[in-house]
């Protein structure tokens, strides 16, 4: 997925697949946070024209061991 355009993207977490490694909230702390058990929660469900934020979220998507995070174009 390219992070060079300004299309809005929706972020999803498949909580059934997540094991709570914490890579997502380490890599993109302005988008993901941890709940009281160490599992991720979204601070933002959509992102758009911030290239650094898009890069950070894509890095979190790519770095998730369970592939529990996805980012899709919205619309």
Protein backbone atom coordinates (compact mmCIF):
# COMPACT_ATOMS: atom_id res chain seq x y z
CA UNK A 1 0.00 0.00 0.00
CA UNK A 2 1.35 3.38 -0.97
CA UNK A 3 1.56 6.05 1.69
CA UNK A 4 2.19 8.86 -0.82
CA UNK A 5 -1.38 9.98 -1.45
CA UNK A 6 -4.00 11.71 0.66
CA UNK A 7 -6.84 9.17 0.57
CA UNK A 8 -8.44 8.45 3.92
CA UNK A 9 -7.70 5.03 5.34
CA UNK A 10 -9.56 3.01 7.97
CA UNK A 11 -7.53 1.05 10.52
CA UNK A 12 -8.84 -2.26 11.85
CA UNK A 13 -7.64 -4.59 14.59
CA UNK A 14 -8.75 -8.21 14.57
CA UNK A 15 -8.84 -8.69 18.34
CA UNK A 16 -9.30 -12.45 17.94
CA UNK A 17 -5.90 -12.74 16.26
CA UNK A 18 -3.99 -10.28 18.45
CA UNK A 19 -1.66 -11.69 21.12
CA UNK A 20 -0.76 -8.33 22.66
CA UNK A 21 2.89 -8.08 21.59
CA UNK A 22 2.65 -4.27 21.65
CA UNK A 23 4.53 -3.54 18.45
CA UNK A 24 1.70 -1.43 17.06
CA UNK A 25 1.57 1.03 19.94
CA UNK A 26 5.36 1.15 20.04
CA UNK A 27 5.58 1.94 16.32
CA UNK A 28 2.57 4.29 16.06
CA UNK A 29 1.81 5.62 19.56
CA UNK A 30 -0.42 8.42 18.28
CA UNK A 31 -2.76 5.87 16.65
CA UNK A 32 -2.58 2.85 19.00
CA UNK A 33 -2.56 2.57 22.77
CA UNK A 34 -2.72 -0.36 25.18
CA UNK A 35 -5.66 -1.39 27.31
CA UNK A 36 -5.23 -2.57 30.91
CA UNK A 37 -4.26 -6.06 29.68
CA UNK A 38 -1.72 -4.89 27.10
CA UNK A 39 -3.90 -5.33 24.03
CA UNK A 40 -4.14 -2.51 21.48
CA UNK A 41 -6.91 0.02 21.24
CA UNK A 42 -7.31 2.57 18.47
CA UNK A 43 -6.86 6.22 19.28
CA UNK A 44 -7.80 7.06 15.68
CA UNK A 45 -9.95 4.85 13.46
CA UNK A 46 -9.07 6.74 10.31
CA UNK A 47 -6.04 8.63 9.05
CA UNK A 48 -5.51 10.75 5.99
CA UNK A 49 -2.93 13.23 4.78
CA UNK A 50 -0.15 12.93 7.36
CA UNK A 51 2.67 11.06 5.57
CA UNK A 52 4.56 10.26 8.78
CA UNK A 53 1.44 8.88 10.46
CA UNK A 54 0.64 6.79 7.38
CA UNK A 55 4.19 5.46 7.37
CA UNK A 56 4.06 4.61 11.08
CA UNK A 57 0.74 2.78 10.76
CA UNK A 58 1.94 0.87 7.68
CA UNK A 59 5.04 -0.13 9.64
CA UNK A 60 2.78 -1.37 12.46
CA UNK A 61 0.62 -3.30 9.97
CA UNK A 62 3.71 -4.89 8.41
CA UNK A 63 5.26 -5.63 11.81
CA UNK A 64 2.30 -7.34 13.44
CA UNK A 65 3.30 -10.99 14.02
CA UNK A 66 -0.32 -12.20 13.84
CA UNK A 67 -1.34 -9.93 10.94
CA UNK A 68 -4.13 -8.66 13.19
CA UNK A 69 -3.95 -5.06 11.92
CA UNK A 70 -5.14 -3.88 8.55
CA UNK A 71 -5.43 -0.53 6.83
CA UNK A 72 -7.86 -0.04 3.96
CA UNK A 73 -8.87 2.85 1.77
CA UNK A 74 -12.14 4.32 2.97
CA UNK A 75 -14.90 5.32 0.68
